[in-house]
Amino acid sequence: MASPPEGIITMQDMQVIFGVTDLMGIHRESVSVELTKEDPGTITQAAGGKIEITVPQSEAVEQFALRLRAELDALGYTEVELVDDEDDED
């Protein structure tokens, strides 16, 4: 399989982003991520509460995830306990 063109987010990028938003209890349908990377990268909350994210091109997504976490904290989101449905066997 060919690599995506430079400047386009990958599934690995999305996993990192969702790793943060899932941890903060933000439903994935409430997150919009631009398909192209653009510096400096942005994190905004639109009307209706949707989180709009643009991943920066010149910064590793793992580093950007730290900024994402801090900005979501500043917007009032807090870490939630993730529930593993597979452990709910009776």
Protein backbone atom coordinates (compact mmCIF):
# COMPACT_ATOMS: atom_id res chain seq x y z
CA MET A 1 0.00 0.00 0.00
CA ALA A 2 1.36 3.43 -0.92
CA SER A 3 2.01 6.07 1.73
CA PRO A 4 -0.33 9.07 1.77
CA PRO A 5 1.04 12.26 0.23
CA GLU A 6 3.00 14.50 2.59
CA GLY A 7 0.71 16.99 4.30
CA ILE A 8 -2.25 14.60 4.52
CA ILE A 9 -3.24 13.13 7.88
CA THR A 10 -2.91 9.37 8.30
CA MET A 11 -4.89 6.80 10.23
CA GLN A 12 -2.04 6.80 12.78
CA ASP A 13 -2.49 10.58 13.18
CA MET A 14 -6.21 10.04 13.77
CA GLN A 15 -5.51 7.35 16.37
CA VAL A 16 -3.35 9.81 18.31
CA ILE A 17 -6.01 12.55 18.09
CA PHE A 18 -8.82 10.17 19.10
CA GLY A 19 -6.63 8.88 21.93
CA VAL A 20 -6.83 12.35 23.45
CA THR A 21 -10.45 13.18 22.63
CA ASP A 22 -11.69 9.76 23.78
CA LEU A 23 -9.82 10.22 27.07
CA MET A 24 -11.53 13.59 27.52
CA GLY A 25 -14.99 12.05 26.94
CA ILE A 26 -15.57 13.81 23.62
CA HIS A 27 -17.72 11.76 21.24
CA ARG A 28 -15.98 11.15 17.92
CA GLU A 29 -18.91 12.64 16.01
CA SER A 30 -18.23 15.89 17.87
CA VAL A 31 -14.70 16.09 16.45
CA SER A 32 -13.84 17.42 13.00
CA VAL A 33 -10.27 17.00 11.74
CA GLU A 34 -9.07 18.63 8.53
CA LEU A 35 -7.63 16.12 6.06
CA THR A 36 -4.65 18.32 5.28
CA LYS A 37 -1.99 19.41 7.74
CA GLU A 38 -1.39 23.15 8.09
CA ASP A 39 0.95 25.10 10.32
CA PRO A 40 0.67 26.12 13.06
CA GLY A 41 -2.21 23.70 13.67
CA THR A 42 -5.43 24.77 15.36
CA ILE A 43 -7.90 23.61 17.97
CA THR A 44 -11.20 25.48 18.19
CA GLN A 45 -14.65 24.90 19.57
CA ALA A 46 -17.35 25.84 17.08
CA ALA A 47 -20.94 26.76 17.78
CA GLY A 48 -22.77 23.71 19.04
CA GLY A 49 -19.65 22.42 20.81
CA LYS A 50 -17.97 20.72 17.86
CA ILE A 51 -14.18 20.53 18.25
CA GLU A 52 -12.40 21.51 15.01
CA ILE A 53 -8.79 20.40 14.67
CA THR A 54 -6.09 21.08 12.10
CA VAL A 55 -2.92 19.05 12.65
CA PRO A 56 0.31 21.00 12.06
CA GLN A 57 2.59 19.88 9.24
CA SER A 58 5.92 20.75 10.88
CA GLU A 59 5.22 19.21 14.32
CA ALA A 60 4.95 15.53 15.25
CA VAL A 61 1.34 14.55 15.96
CA GLU A 62 2.42 13.15 19.34
CA GLN A 63 3.75 16.58 20.32
CA PHE A 64 0.60 18.25 19.00
CA ALA A 65 -1.46 15.82 21.13
CA LEU A 66 0.05 17.40 24.25
CA ARG A 67 -1.12 20.82 23.07
CA LEU A 68 -4.53 19.37 22.18
CA ARG A 69 -4.88 17.95 25.70
CA ALA A 70 -3.92 21.28 27.29
CA GLU A 71 -6.33 23.28 25.10
CA LEU A 72 -9.20 20.87 25.77
CA ASP A 73 -8.46 21.25 29.51
CA ALA A 74 -8.66 25.03 29.04
CA LEU A 75 -12.04 24.61 27.31
CA GLY A 76 -13.34 22.80 30.40
CA TYR A 77 -13.04 19.18 29.32
CA THR A 78 -11.75 16.73 31.91
CA GLU A 79 -10.42 13.21 31.72
CA VAL A 80 -13.09 10.52 32.06
CA GLU A 81 -12.76 6.91 33.05
CA LEU A 82 -12.90 4.78 29.92
CA VAL A 83 -15.09 1.68 30.22
CA ASP A 84 -13.97 -1.53 28.54
CA ASP A 85 -17.18 -3.27 27.41
CA GLU A 86 -15.39 -6.61 27.05
CA ASP A 87 -14.87 -6.82 30.83
CA ASP A 88 -18.62 -6.75 31.51
CA GLU A 89 -19.13 -10.51 31.21
CA ASP A 90 -21.35 -12.07 33.90
